[in-house]
Structures are given as structure tokens and as C-alpha cells.
């Protein structure tokens, strides 16, 4: 967990994934500190996981020796104990596959030449399978920008980026999936970039 989950996502997707280790054996603080010292884990360890003071993890997410992925909305996206028996629940490919569907990444930044104006586009368009969304930012960059995908009724179905964006052209991978990882139906979608009070909208077409 330390190397393959905590360190991996902190290196590749900084600030987007929080790993928490939960004590469901009602150990004392000294026990948890001993575990931390022995294993060298850097992620937080939570005491009293089966008690209300510790978040009722056992009630909410099941038995010990379990692995659960929860998205930003508090929805459980992966629950190992519902799939695997005790003693065989750590399946890295499944855990990482689920988490990978929830994180956002800038897949490329071209700082030169610096654009003269804000611009939002996608290519190819129409696109089959996946597309690349490009956001052009003038000199100076912006402290915060949010790039989202909506259906034609205005409902948000995916978030591609939420954070600072440097000057230049930033590219975000869009796999034509929604926030739950499901493939989108063919049709017209609206890609939106909100940069402070400024809003950009781009029409993107998904085809089979």
C-alpha cells in the first residue's frame, strides 16, 4: 500500500488521492504508532475505526483486512470484501484501476508560444474512443481552473481537471467515460472550462 498506492499517487497525481489506514481492532495510540514505525507508512492511520468517534468504518465499509475506494462525493466505488474472501482481498490491479478512473492528469503542457487569449478545444472532433481537450492560458497562468464535461441538458458527467494551470496549452485526456467510469453514449457533449469568473464552452461530438 505504501509504495504501490500512497507513493504512486502522490508522485503521479499529487493532492488527488488520500490513503487512510484504519485500526478496527480498537488498539491504543501506542500500538498504531508502533505499526507506523515498523512499516514506515506515511499515510494517516485512524484509531478506533469501529467506534463512532473513529468514523464507524466497520459499520460503513465492512470487516477488517478490507480495501475500499471512495470518491470525492462519498460514494463507494470499490469494495474488496464484496468480491473476495478474507485473506485474498489485496488486488492491486483492481484497486489502481478504480482509482485511475477517478483522478485527473495533465498529459502535456506546451508553454511556447504562450497564447494571446483563452481558448478551449478538443481533438479529434468528432472522436471515437477518446479525445484530447486543450486549454490555452495566456501569460502568467491561472491559480485555479476547472475543466468539466456535461450533457446537452447541462448535467455534469465528468471532471477532467480542477486545479492550477500554467501559461501555455495544457492537454487533458478524455476517455469518453463518466464519473463512474461508464462509457458515454454517442452524441454531443459540452466541455466547459471555468477560470475564475470566465467560462469557456466547447461542443464535442462522440461517435461509435
N, C-alpha and C. Protein backbone atom coordinates (compact mmCIF):
# COMPACT_ATOMS: atom_id res chain seq x y z
N UNK A 1 0.83 -1.21 0.00
CA UNK A 1 0.00 0.00 0.00
C UNK A 1 0.87 1.26 0.00
N UNK A 2 1.93 1.25 0.78
CA UNK A 2 2.79 2.43 0.85
C UNK A 2 3.41 2.75 -0.50
N UNK A 3 4.06 1.76 -1.11
CA UNK A 3 4.76 2.00 -2.37
C UNK A 3 3.82 2.04 -3.57
N UNK A 4 2.90 1.08 -3.63
CA UNK A 4 2.09 0.90 -4.84
C UNK A 4 0.85 1.78 -4.90
N UNK A 5 0.41 2.30 -3.76
CA UNK A 5 -0.76 3.16 -3.75
C UNK A 5 -0.39 4.57 -3.27
N UNK A 6 0.03 4.69 -2.01
CA UNK A 6 0.27 6.01 -1.44
C UNK A 6 1.36 6.77 -2.19
N UNK A 7 2.53 6.19 -2.33
CA UNK A 7 3.62 6.89 -3.01
C UNK A 7 3.36 7.04 -4.50
N UNK A 8 2.76 6.03 -5.10
CA UNK A 8 2.50 6.10 -6.54
C UNK A 8 1.61 7.28 -6.89
N UNK A 9 0.49 7.46 -6.15
CA UNK A 9 -0.44 8.54 -6.49
C UNK A 9 0.07 9.90 -6.03
N UNK A 10 0.85 9.93 -4.96
CA UNK A 10 1.42 11.20 -4.54
C UNK A 10 2.43 11.70 -5.57
N UNK A 11 3.13 10.77 -6.20
CA UNK A 11 4.11 11.14 -7.23
C UNK A 11 3.44 11.50 -8.54
N UNK A 12 2.45 10.71 -8.96
CA UNK A 12 1.86 10.88 -10.28
C UNK A 12 0.61 11.76 -10.30
N UNK A 13 -0.10 11.83 -9.19
CA UNK A 13 -1.32 12.63 -9.12
C UNK A 13 -1.35 13.37 -7.77
N UNK A 14 -0.38 14.26 -7.54
CA UNK A 14 -0.24 14.89 -6.21
C UNK A 14 -1.51 15.61 -5.77
N UNK A 15 -1.88 15.34 -4.51
CA UNK A 15 -3.02 16.02 -3.91
C UNK A 15 -4.38 15.48 -4.29
N UNK A 16 -4.43 14.43 -5.13
CA UNK A 16 -5.73 13.96 -5.59
C UNK A 16 -6.23 12.70 -4.88
N UNK A 17 -5.33 11.96 -4.24
CA UNK A 17 -5.71 10.70 -3.61
C UNK A 17 -5.26 10.71 -2.15
N UNK A 18 -6.17 10.41 -1.23
CA UNK A 18 -5.83 10.31 0.18
C UNK A 18 -5.98 8.88 0.64
N UNK A 19 -4.89 8.29 1.08
CA UNK A 19 -4.90 6.94 1.62
C UNK A 19 -5.04 7.03 3.13
N UNK A 20 -5.90 6.22 3.72
CA UNK A 20 -6.10 6.17 5.18
C UNK A 20 -6.06 4.72 5.62
N UNK A 21 -5.26 4.44 6.63
CA UNK A 21 -5.24 3.12 7.24
C UNK A 21 -6.09 3.17 8.50
N UNK A 22 -7.02 2.24 8.65
CA UNK A 22 -7.99 2.28 9.74
C UNK A 22 -7.77 1.11 10.70
N UNK A 23 -7.61 1.42 11.99
CA UNK A 23 -7.49 0.40 13.03
C UNK A 23 -8.89 -0.05 13.43
N UNK A 24 -9.22 -1.30 13.13
CA UNK A 24 -10.52 -1.84 13.53
C UNK A 24 -10.39 -2.84 14.68
N UNK A 25 -9.23 -2.84 15.34
CA UNK A 25 -9.01 -3.74 16.47
C UNK A 25 -9.04 -2.98 17.79
N UNK A 26 -9.43 -1.69 17.74
CA UNK A 26 -9.52 -0.86 18.94
C UNK A 26 -8.20 -0.83 19.71
N UNK A 27 -7.11 -0.71 18.98
CA UNK A 27 -5.81 -0.62 19.62
C UNK A 27 -5.58 0.75 20.23
N UNK A 28 -4.57 0.83 21.08
CA UNK A 28 -4.20 2.10 21.70
C UNK A 28 -3.30 2.88 20.75
N UNK A 29 -3.13 4.16 21.05
CA UNK A 29 -2.30 5.02 20.21
C UNK A 29 -0.88 4.46 20.09
N UNK A 30 -0.38 3.88 21.17
CA UNK A 30 0.98 3.34 21.13
C UNK A 30 1.08 2.17 20.15
N UNK A 31 0.01 1.39 20.01
CA UNK A 31 0.01 0.28 19.06
C UNK A 31 0.07 0.78 17.63
N UNK A 32 -0.72 1.83 17.36
CA UNK A 32 -0.74 2.37 16.00
C UNK A 32 0.59 3.02 15.67
N UNK A 33 1.18 3.74 16.64
CA UNK A 33 2.49 4.33 16.41
C UNK A 33 3.54 3.25 16.16
N UNK A 34 3.43 2.14 16.88
CA UNK A 34 4.35 1.04 16.66
C UNK A 34 4.23 0.46 15.27
N UNK A 35 2.99 0.34 14.79
CA UNK A 35 2.76 -0.15 13.42
C UNK A 35 3.37 0.82 12.41
N UNK A 36 3.18 2.10 12.64
CA UNK A 36 3.72 3.11 11.72
C UNK A 36 5.25 3.06 11.69
N UNK A 37 5.85 2.94 12.86
CA UNK A 37 7.31 2.88 12.93
C UNK A 37 7.86 1.61 12.28
N UNK A 38 7.15 0.51 12.47
CA UNK A 38 7.61 -0.77 11.95
C UNK A 38 7.49 -0.85 10.44
N UNK A 39 6.42 -0.30 9.89
CA UNK A 39 6.17 -0.42 8.45
C UNK A 39 6.70 0.76 7.66
N UNK A 40 6.83 1.93 8.29
CA UNK A 40 7.29 3.11 7.58
C UNK A 40 6.23 3.79 6.74
N UNK A 41 4.96 3.49 6.98
CA UNK A 41 3.90 4.13 6.18
C UNK A 41 3.87 5.62 6.47
N UNK A 42 3.54 6.40 5.45
CA UNK A 42 3.47 7.85 5.61
C UNK A 42 2.03 8.36 5.59
N UNK A 43 1.08 7.51 5.23
CA UNK A 43 -0.31 7.97 5.18
C UNK A 43 -0.92 7.92 6.58
N UNK A 44 -2.01 8.68 6.81
CA UNK A 44 -2.62 8.73 8.15
C UNK A 44 -3.17 7.38 8.59
N UNK A 45 -3.07 7.12 9.89
CA UNK A 45 -3.64 5.92 10.50
C UNK A 45 -4.70 6.35 11.49
N UNK A 46 -5.88 5.78 11.38
CA UNK A 46 -7.04 6.21 12.17
C UNK A 46 -7.31 5.24 13.30
N UNK A 47 -7.39 5.79 14.52
CA UNK A 47 -7.71 4.99 15.69
C UNK A 47 -9.21 4.73 15.80
N UNK A 48 -9.58 3.69 16.52
CA UNK A 48 -10.97 3.44 16.90
C UNK A 48 -11.91 3.39 15.69
N UNK A 49 -11.50 2.65 14.67
CA UNK A 49 -12.28 2.63 13.44
C UNK A 49 -13.66 2.01 13.57
N UNK A 50 -13.88 1.19 14.61
CA UNK A 50 -15.20 0.58 14.76
C UNK A 50 -16.13 1.41 15.64
N UNK A 51 -15.61 2.50 16.21
CA UNK A 51 -16.41 3.33 17.10
C UNK A 51 -16.89 4.58 16.37
N UNK A 52 -17.94 5.19 16.91
CA UNK A 52 -18.47 6.41 16.31
C UNK A 52 -17.41 7.49 16.25
N UNK A 53 -16.55 7.56 17.30
CA UNK A 53 -15.51 8.58 17.33
C UNK A 53 -14.49 8.38 16.22
N UNK A 54 -14.37 7.17 15.75
CA UNK A 54 -13.42 6.87 14.68
C UNK A 54 -14.04 6.78 13.31
N UNK A 55 -15.32 7.13 13.21
CA UNK A 55 -15.97 7.18 11.90
C UNK A 55 -16.83 6.00 11.55
N UNK A 56 -16.98 5.02 12.48
CA UNK A 56 -17.83 3.85 12.20
C UNK A 56 -17.42 3.13 10.92
N UNK A 57 -16.13 3.02 10.67
CA UNK A 57 -15.68 2.40 9.44
C UNK A 57 -16.17 0.96 9.30
N UNK A 58 -16.18 0.22 10.40
CA UNK A 58 -16.62 -1.17 10.32
C UNK A 58 -18.08 -1.26 9.90
N UNK A 59 -18.90 -0.35 10.41
CA UNK A 59 -20.32 -0.35 10.05
C UNK A 59 -20.52 0.09 8.60
N UNK A 60 -19.76 1.11 8.21
CA UNK A 60 -19.96 1.68 6.87
C UNK A 60 -19.32 0.84 5.77
N UNK A 61 -18.14 0.30 6.04
CA UNK A 61 -17.36 -0.30 4.95
C UNK A 61 -16.98 -1.75 5.19
N UNK A 62 -17.44 -2.34 6.28
CA UNK A 62 -17.23 -3.77 6.44
C UNK A 62 -16.04 -4.16 7.28
N UNK A 63 -15.72 -5.42 7.20
CA UNK A 63 -14.78 -6.06 8.10
C UNK A 63 -13.34 -5.60 7.89
N UNK A 64 -12.47 -6.03 8.80
CA UNK A 64 -11.05 -5.70 8.73
C UNK A 64 -10.40 -6.40 7.54
N UNK A 65 -9.14 -6.03 7.27
CA UNK A 65 -8.40 -6.56 6.12
C UNK A 65 -9.20 -6.36 4.84
N UNK A 66 -9.68 -5.16 4.67
CA UNK A 66 -10.50 -4.83 3.51
C UNK A 66 -9.91 -3.62 2.80
N UNK A 67 -10.27 -3.44 1.55
CA UNK A 67 -9.80 -2.32 0.75
C UNK A 67 -11.00 -1.68 0.08
N UNK A 68 -11.17 -0.38 0.34
CA UNK A 68 -12.34 0.35 -0.16
C UNK A 68 -11.87 1.63 -0.83
N UNK A 69 -12.45 1.94 -1.99
CA UNK A 69 -12.16 3.19 -2.69
C UNK A 69 -13.43 4.03 -2.65
N UNK A 70 -13.31 5.25 -2.14
CA UNK A 70 -14.44 6.18 -2.02
C UNK A 70 -14.12 7.42 -2.83
N UNK A 71 -15.05 7.86 -3.68
CA UNK A 71 -14.78 9.05 -4.48
C UNK A 71 -15.03 10.33 -3.68
N UNK A 72 -14.84 11.48 -4.32
CA UNK A 72 -14.95 12.76 -3.64
C UNK A 72 -16.36 13.04 -3.15
N UNK A 73 -17.34 12.39 -3.77
CA UNK A 73 -18.73 12.58 -3.37
C UNK A 73 -19.14 11.63 -2.24
N UNK A 74 -18.20 10.82 -1.75
CA UNK A 74 -18.50 9.89 -0.67
C UNK A 74 -19.13 8.59 -1.14
N UNK A 75 -19.09 8.32 -2.43
CA UNK A 75 -19.68 7.11 -2.98
C UNK A 75 -18.63 6.02 -3.06
N UNK A 76 -18.96 4.83 -2.56
CA UNK A 76 -18.04 3.70 -2.61
C UNK A 76 -17.96 3.20 -4.05
N UNK A 77 -16.75 3.23 -4.61
CA UNK A 77 -16.55 2.79 -5.98
C UNK A 77 -15.94 1.40 -6.07
N UNK A 78 -15.30 0.96 -4.98
CA UNK A 78 -14.70 -0.37 -4.96
C UNK A 78 -14.74 -0.89 -3.54
N UNK A 79 -15.15 -2.16 -3.36
CA UNK A 79 -15.31 -2.74 -2.03
C UNK A 79 -14.83 -4.19 -2.13
N UNK A 80 -13.57 -4.44 -1.72
CA UNK A 80 -12.95 -5.75 -1.96
C UNK A 80 -13.68 -6.89 -1.27
N UNK A 81 -14.25 -6.64 -0.07
CA UNK A 81 -14.89 -7.74 0.66
C UNK A 81 -16.17 -8.21 0.01
N UNK A 82 -16.72 -7.43 -0.93
CA UNK A 82 -17.90 -7.86 -1.66
C UNK A 82 -17.54 -8.78 -2.82
N UNK A 83 -16.23 -8.85 -3.11
CA UNK A 83 -15.77 -9.64 -4.25
C UNK A 83 -14.91 -10.81 -3.82
N UNK A 84 -14.04 -10.57 -2.83
CA UNK A 84 -13.02 -11.53 -2.46
C UNK A 84 -13.17 -11.98 -1.01
N UNK A 85 -12.79 -13.23 -0.70
CA UNK A 85 -12.87 -13.72 0.68
C UNK A 85 -11.74 -13.16 1.53
N UNK A 86 -11.89 -13.26 2.85
CA UNK A 86 -10.87 -12.80 3.76
C UNK A 86 -9.55 -13.54 3.49
N UNK A 87 -8.46 -12.76 3.50
CA UNK A 87 -7.15 -13.34 3.21
C UNK A 87 -6.75 -13.22 1.76
N UNK A 88 -7.67 -12.78 0.90
CA UNK A 88 -7.37 -12.66 -0.53
C UNK A 88 -8.07 -11.41 -1.08
N UNK A 89 -7.80 -10.27 -0.44
CA UNK A 89 -8.53 -9.05 -0.84
C UNK A 89 -7.65 -7.96 -1.45
N UNK A 90 -6.35 -8.12 -1.39
CA UNK A 90 -5.48 -7.08 -1.94
C UNK A 90 -5.16 -7.40 -3.39
N UNK A 91 -5.93 -6.79 -4.30
CA UNK A 91 -5.73 -6.98 -5.74
C UNK A 91 -5.37 -5.62 -6.32
N UNK A 92 -4.08 -5.39 -6.46
CA UNK A 92 -3.57 -4.08 -6.84
C UNK A 92 -4.14 -3.61 -8.17
N UNK A 93 -4.26 -4.51 -9.14
CA UNK A 93 -4.77 -4.10 -10.45
C UNK A 93 -6.19 -3.57 -10.36
N UNK A 94 -7.01 -4.17 -9.50
CA UNK A 94 -8.39 -3.70 -9.35
C UNK A 94 -8.44 -2.36 -8.62
N UNK A 95 -7.66 -2.24 -7.56
CA UNK A 95 -7.66 -1.00 -6.78
C UNK A 95 -7.16 0.16 -7.64
N UNK A 96 -6.02 -0.05 -8.30
CA UNK A 96 -5.46 1.02 -9.12
C UNK A 96 -6.36 1.32 -10.31
N UNK A 97 -6.98 0.30 -10.88
CA UNK A 97 -7.88 0.53 -12.00
C UNK A 97 -9.05 1.42 -11.60
N UNK A 98 -9.58 1.21 -10.40
CA UNK A 98 -10.67 2.04 -9.92
C UNK A 98 -10.21 3.46 -9.64
N UNK A 99 -9.10 3.59 -8.90
CA UNK A 99 -8.61 4.93 -8.56
C UNK A 99 -8.22 5.70 -9.82
N UNK A 100 -7.63 5.03 -10.80
CA UNK A 100 -7.23 5.70 -12.04
C UNK A 100 -8.42 6.31 -12.76
N UNK A 101 -9.60 5.72 -12.59
CA UNK A 101 -10.78 6.28 -13.26
C UNK A 101 -11.29 7.54 -12.56
N UNK A 102 -10.74 7.86 -11.37
CA UNK A 102 -11.23 8.99 -10.59
C UNK A 102 -10.29 10.19 -10.61
N UNK A 103 -9.03 9.98 -10.97
CA UNK A 103 -8.07 11.07 -10.91
C UNK A 103 -7.98 11.79 -12.25
N UNK A 104 -7.44 13.00 -12.21
CA UNK A 104 -7.25 13.80 -13.41
C UNK A 104 -5.76 14.04 -13.59
N UNK A 105 -5.36 14.16 -14.83
CA UNK A 105 -3.94 14.42 -15.09
C UNK A 105 -3.77 15.30 -16.31
N UNK A 106 -2.86 16.24 -16.21
CA UNK A 106 -2.43 16.98 -17.39
C UNK A 106 -1.46 16.08 -18.11
N UNK A 107 -1.79 15.69 -19.33
CA UNK A 107 -0.93 14.76 -20.04
C UNK A 107 0.12 15.47 -20.87
N UNK A 108 0.02 16.80 -20.98
CA UNK A 108 1.05 17.53 -21.71
C UNK A 108 0.85 19.03 -21.57
N UNK A 109 1.94 19.77 -21.51
CA UNK A 109 1.89 21.22 -21.45
C UNK A 109 2.89 21.77 -22.44
N UNK A 110 2.42 22.61 -23.34
CA UNK A 110 3.29 23.24 -24.32
C UNK A 110 3.37 24.73 -23.98
N UNK A 111 4.42 25.18 -23.29
CA UNK A 111 4.48 26.56 -22.83
C UNK A 111 4.85 27.57 -23.90
N UNK A 112 5.31 27.12 -25.07
CA UNK A 112 5.72 28.07 -26.11
C UNK A 112 5.07 27.71 -27.43
N UNK A 113 4.56 28.65 -28.19
CA UNK A 113 4.44 30.05 -27.79
C UNK A 113 3.27 30.24 -26.82
N UNK A 114 3.36 31.22 -25.95
CA UNK A 114 2.29 31.49 -24.99
C UNK A 114 1.10 32.08 -25.72
N UNK A 115 -0.09 31.50 -25.55
CA UNK A 115 -1.27 32.01 -26.26
C UNK A 115 -1.58 33.46 -25.87
N UNK A 116 -2.19 34.18 -26.80
CA UNK A 116 -2.58 35.57 -26.54
C UNK A 116 -3.95 35.64 -25.89
N UNK A 117 -4.73 34.55 -25.94
CA UNK A 117 -6.09 34.58 -25.39
C UNK A 117 -6.45 33.20 -24.85
N UNK A 118 -7.49 33.15 -24.01
CA UNK A 118 -8.01 31.89 -23.51
C UNK A 118 -8.69 31.14 -24.66
N UNK A 119 -8.51 29.82 -24.68
CA UNK A 119 -9.12 29.02 -25.73
C UNK A 119 -9.36 27.61 -25.22
N UNK A 120 -10.47 27.00 -25.63
CA UNK A 120 -10.82 25.63 -25.25
C UNK A 120 -11.18 24.86 -26.50
N UNK A 121 -10.60 23.69 -26.68
CA UNK A 121 -10.87 22.89 -27.88
C UNK A 121 -10.66 21.42 -27.55
N UNK A 122 -11.03 20.54 -28.46
CA UNK A 122 -10.77 19.11 -28.32
C UNK A 122 -10.43 18.54 -29.68
N UNK A 123 -9.64 17.48 -29.69
CA UNK A 123 -9.27 16.84 -30.94
C UNK A 123 -9.03 15.35 -30.68
N UNK A 124 -9.45 14.49 -31.62
CA UNK A 124 -10.25 14.85 -32.78
C UNK A 124 -11.68 15.20 -32.39
N UNK A 125 -12.39 15.80 -33.28
CA UNK A 125 -13.78 16.17 -33.03
C UNK A 125 -14.52 16.19 -34.37
N UNK A 126 -15.40 15.20 -34.59
CA UNK A 126 -15.87 14.12 -33.73
C UNK A 126 -14.74 13.15 -33.36
N UNK A 127 -14.97 12.42 -32.27
CA UNK A 127 -13.96 11.49 -31.78
C UNK A 127 -14.58 10.15 -31.45
N UNK A 128 -13.78 9.10 -31.61
CA UNK A 128 -14.20 7.75 -31.27
C UNK A 128 -13.22 7.19 -30.23
N UNK A 129 -13.72 6.71 -29.11
CA UNK A 129 -12.86 6.10 -28.11
C UNK A 129 -12.33 7.06 -27.08
N UNK A 130 -11.62 8.11 -27.52
CA UNK A 130 -11.08 9.09 -26.59
C UNK A 130 -10.72 10.34 -27.36
N UNK A 131 -10.43 11.40 -26.62
CA UNK A 131 -10.06 12.66 -27.24
C UNK A 131 -9.11 13.40 -26.31
N UNK A 132 -8.48 14.45 -26.81
CA UNK A 132 -7.62 15.30 -26.02
C UNK A 132 -8.25 16.68 -25.95
N UNK A 133 -8.45 17.17 -24.73
CA UNK A 133 -9.00 18.50 -24.53
C UNK A 133 -7.85 19.46 -24.30
N UNK A 134 -7.84 20.57 -25.01
CA UNK A 134 -6.77 21.56 -24.90
C UNK A 134 -7.31 22.86 -24.32
N UNK A 135 -6.61 23.36 -23.32
CA UNK A 135 -6.96 24.64 -22.69
C UNK A 135 -5.77 25.57 -22.83
N UNK A 136 -5.96 26.66 -23.56
CA UNK A 136 -4.90 27.65 -23.76
C UNK A 136 -5.04 28.76 -22.72
N UNK A 137 -3.93 29.05 -22.03
CA UNK A 137 -3.91 30.07 -20.98
C UNK A 137 -2.84 31.11 -21.33
N UNK A 138 -3.18 32.40 -21.33
CA UNK A 138 -2.19 33.45 -21.62
C UNK A 138 -1.10 33.52 -20.56
N UNK A 139 -0.15 34.41 -20.76
CA UNK A 139 1.00 34.58 -19.86
C UNK A 139 0.56 34.74 -18.42
N UNK A 140 1.30 34.09 -17.51
CA UNK A 140 1.02 34.21 -16.08
C UNK A 140 0.33 33.00 -15.51
N UNK A 141 -0.40 32.26 -16.34
CA UNK A 141 -1.15 31.11 -15.84
C UNK A 141 -2.30 31.54 -14.95
N UNK A 142 -3.00 30.58 -14.41
CA UNK A 142 -4.13 30.87 -13.51
C UNK A 142 -4.01 29.99 -12.28
N UNK A 143 -4.39 30.51 -11.09
CA UNK A 143 -4.27 29.72 -9.86
C UNK A 143 -5.26 28.58 -9.78
N UNK A 144 -6.37 28.69 -10.50
CA UNK A 144 -7.37 27.63 -10.42
C UNK A 144 -8.23 27.62 -11.68
N UNK A 145 -8.42 26.44 -12.22
CA UNK A 145 -9.30 26.26 -13.37
C UNK A 145 -9.96 24.90 -13.24
N UNK A 146 -11.20 24.82 -13.69
CA UNK A 146 -11.93 23.56 -13.64
C UNK A 146 -12.42 23.23 -15.03
N UNK A 147 -12.07 22.04 -15.50
CA UNK A 147 -12.49 21.57 -16.83
C UNK A 147 -13.44 20.40 -16.62
N UNK A 148 -14.66 20.53 -17.09
CA UNK A 148 -15.69 19.52 -16.85
C UNK A 148 -16.39 19.17 -18.15
N UNK A 149 -17.08 18.03 -18.15
CA UNK A 149 -17.86 17.59 -19.30
C UNK A 149 -19.32 17.48 -18.88
N UNK A 150 -20.23 17.99 -19.71
CA UNK A 150 -21.66 18.00 -19.40
C UNK A 150 -22.44 17.43 -20.58
N UNK A 151 -23.63 16.90 -20.28
CA UNK A 151 -24.52 16.53 -21.38
C UNK A 151 -25.25 17.78 -21.87
N UNK A 152 -26.05 17.64 -22.91
CA UNK A 152 -26.68 18.82 -23.50
C UNK A 152 -27.73 19.44 -22.58
N UNK A 153 -28.15 18.69 -21.54
CA UNK A 153 -29.08 19.24 -20.55
C UNK A 153 -28.36 20.03 -19.46
N UNK A 154 -27.03 20.02 -19.53
CA UNK A 154 -26.25 20.78 -18.55
C UNK A 154 -25.79 19.98 -17.36
N UNK A 155 -26.11 18.68 -17.29
CA UNK A 155 -25.70 17.86 -16.15
C UNK A 155 -24.22 17.50 -16.27
N UNK A 156 -23.47 17.71 -15.19
CA UNK A 156 -22.05 17.37 -15.21
C UNK A 156 -21.90 15.86 -15.16
N UNK A 157 -21.07 15.33 -16.05
CA UNK A 157 -20.88 13.88 -16.09
C UNK A 157 -19.44 13.48 -15.85
N UNK A 158 -18.50 14.43 -15.91
CA UNK A 158 -17.10 14.10 -15.66
C UNK A 158 -16.32 15.37 -15.35
N UNK A 159 -15.29 15.24 -14.54
CA UNK A 159 -14.36 16.33 -14.25
C UNK A 159 -12.99 15.92 -14.75
N UNK A 160 -12.44 16.70 -15.69
CA UNK A 160 -11.14 16.39 -16.27
C UNK A 160 -9.99 17.04 -15.51
N UNK A 161 -10.26 18.18 -14.91
CA UNK A 161 -9.19 18.87 -14.18
C UNK A 161 -9.81 19.87 -13.21
N UNK A 162 -9.17 20.03 -12.06
CA UNK A 162 -9.58 21.02 -11.07
C UNK A 162 -8.34 21.43 -10.29
N UNK A 163 -7.73 22.54 -10.68
CA UNK A 163 -6.51 22.99 -10.03
C UNK A 163 -5.83 24.07 -10.85
N UNK A 164 -4.60 24.38 -10.46
CA UNK A 164 -3.83 25.42 -11.14
C UNK A 164 -3.46 24.98 -12.55
N UNK A 165 -3.33 25.95 -13.46
CA UNK A 165 -2.94 25.67 -14.84
C UNK A 165 -1.87 26.69 -15.25
N UNK A 166 -0.75 26.21 -15.77
CA UNK A 166 0.31 27.15 -16.17
C UNK A 166 -0.02 27.84 -17.48
N UNK A 167 0.73 28.89 -17.80
CA UNK A 167 0.58 29.55 -19.09
C UNK A 167 0.99 28.57 -20.18
N UNK A 168 0.32 28.67 -21.32
CA UNK A 168 0.60 27.77 -22.42
C UNK A 168 -0.63 26.96 -22.76
N UNK A 169 -0.44 25.85 -23.44
CA UNK A 169 -1.54 24.97 -23.83
C UNK A 169 -1.44 23.68 -23.02
N UNK A 170 -2.40 23.45 -22.13
CA UNK A 170 -2.45 22.23 -21.33
C UNK A 170 -3.40 21.25 -21.98
N UNK A 171 -3.03 19.99 -21.98
CA UNK A 171 -3.83 18.96 -22.62
C UNK A 171 -4.29 17.94 -21.59
N UNK A 172 -5.58 17.62 -21.64
CA UNK A 172 -6.19 16.69 -20.69
C UNK A 172 -6.79 15.52 -21.46
N UNK A 173 -6.48 14.31 -21.03
CA UNK A 173 -7.04 13.13 -21.69
C UNK A 173 -8.50 12.95 -21.29
N UNK A 174 -9.35 12.70 -22.27
CA UNK A 174 -10.77 12.44 -22.01
C UNK A 174 -11.10 11.09 -22.63
N UNK A 175 -11.37 10.10 -21.79
CA UNK A 175 -11.58 8.73 -22.25
C UNK A 175 -13.03 8.43 -22.63
N UNK A 176 -13.86 9.47 -22.73
CA UNK A 176 -15.27 9.31 -23.08
C UNK A 176 -16.00 8.44 -22.07
N UNK A 177 -15.67 8.64 -20.79
CA UNK A 177 -16.36 7.96 -19.71
C UNK A 177 -16.93 8.98 -18.75
N UNK A 178 -17.94 8.56 -17.95
CA UNK A 178 -18.49 9.46 -16.96
C UNK A 178 -17.75 9.31 -15.64
N UNK A 179 -18.24 9.97 -14.58
CA UNK A 179 -17.57 9.96 -13.29
C UNK A 179 -17.53 8.57 -12.67
N UNK A 180 -18.43 7.69 -13.11
CA UNK A 180 -18.46 6.32 -12.59
C UNK A 180 -17.63 5.36 -13.44
N UNK A 181 -17.00 5.88 -14.50
CA UNK A 181 -16.19 5.04 -15.36
C UNK A 181 -16.94 4.37 -16.49
N UNK A 182 -18.24 4.67 -16.63
CA UNK A 182 -19.05 4.06 -17.69
C UNK A 182 -18.84 4.80 -19.02
N UNK A 183 -18.83 4.05 -20.11
CA UNK A 183 -18.67 4.66 -21.42
C UNK A 183 -19.86 5.52 -21.78
N UNK A 184 -19.59 6.66 -22.41
CA UNK A 184 -20.64 7.57 -22.81
C UNK A 184 -21.30 7.09 -24.10
N UNK A 185 -22.57 7.39 -24.22
CA UNK A 185 -23.28 7.10 -25.46
C UNK A 185 -22.87 8.11 -26.53
N UNK A 186 -22.94 7.72 -27.80
CA UNK A 186 -22.63 8.69 -28.87
C UNK A 186 -23.56 9.90 -28.77
N UNK A 187 -23.04 11.05 -29.12
CA UNK A 187 -23.85 12.26 -29.07
C UNK A 187 -23.00 13.49 -28.88
N UNK A 188 -23.67 14.61 -28.62
CA UNK A 188 -23.00 15.89 -28.41
C UNK A 188 -22.83 16.14 -26.92
N UNK A 189 -21.63 16.56 -26.53
CA UNK A 189 -21.34 16.89 -25.14
C UNK A 189 -20.70 18.27 -25.07
N UNK A 190 -20.85 18.91 -23.93
CA UNK A 190 -20.30 20.24 -23.72
C UNK A 190 -19.12 20.15 -22.78
N UNK A 191 -17.97 20.57 -23.27
CA UNK A 191 -16.78 20.67 -22.42
C UNK A 191 -16.71 22.11 -21.94
N UNK A 192 -16.62 22.28 -20.62
CA UNK A 192 -16.61 23.63 -20.04
C UNK A 192 -15.33 23.85 -19.26
N UNK A 193 -14.79 25.05 -19.36
CA UNK A 193 -13.65 25.46 -18.54
C UNK A 193 -14.07 26.70 -17.77
N UNK A 194 -14.02 26.62 -16.45
CA UNK A 194 -14.33 27.77 -15.61
C UNK A 194 -13.03 28.27 -15.00
N UNK A 195 -12.70 29.52 -15.31
CA UNK A 195 -11.46 30.14 -14.86
C UNK A 195 -11.83 31.43 -14.15
N UNK A 196 -11.99 31.35 -12.83
CA UNK A 196 -12.49 32.50 -12.09
C UNK A 196 -13.90 32.83 -12.55
N UNK A 197 -14.11 34.08 -12.96
CA UNK A 197 -15.42 34.50 -13.47
C UNK A 197 -15.58 34.19 -14.95
N UNK A 198 -14.55 33.73 -15.58
CA UNK A 198 -14.57 33.44 -17.02
C UNK A 198 -15.02 32.01 -17.26
N UNK A 199 -15.85 31.80 -18.28
CA UNK A 199 -16.32 30.46 -18.63
C UNK A 199 -16.17 30.26 -20.14
N UNK A 200 -15.58 29.13 -20.52
CA UNK A 200 -15.44 28.75 -21.91
C UNK A 200 -16.23 27.47 -22.14
N UNK A 201 -16.87 27.35 -23.31
CA UNK A 201 -17.66 26.17 -23.63
C UNK A 201 -17.28 25.68 -25.03
N UNK A 202 -17.12 24.38 -25.14
CA UNK A 202 -16.75 23.77 -26.42
C UNK A 202 -17.66 22.57 -26.67
N UNK A 203 -18.19 22.44 -27.87
CA UNK A 203 -19.06 21.32 -28.22
C UNK A 203 -18.18 20.19 -28.78
N UNK A 204 -18.32 19.02 -28.18
CA UNK A 204 -17.55 17.85 -28.61
C UNK A 204 -18.52 16.74 -28.99
N UNK A 205 -18.22 16.06 -30.07
CA UNK A 205 -19.10 15.00 -30.57
C UNK A 205 -18.42 13.65 -30.36
N UNK A 206 -19.15 12.73 -29.74
CA UNK A 206 -18.67 11.37 -29.51
C UNK A 206 -19.39 10.44 -30.49
N UNK A 207 -18.63 9.62 -31.20
CA UNK A 207 -19.21 8.70 -32.16
C UNK A 207 -18.74 7.28 -31.82
N UNK A 208 -19.44 6.30 -32.34
CA UNK A 208 -19.04 4.90 -32.10
C UNK A 208 -17.84 4.55 -32.97
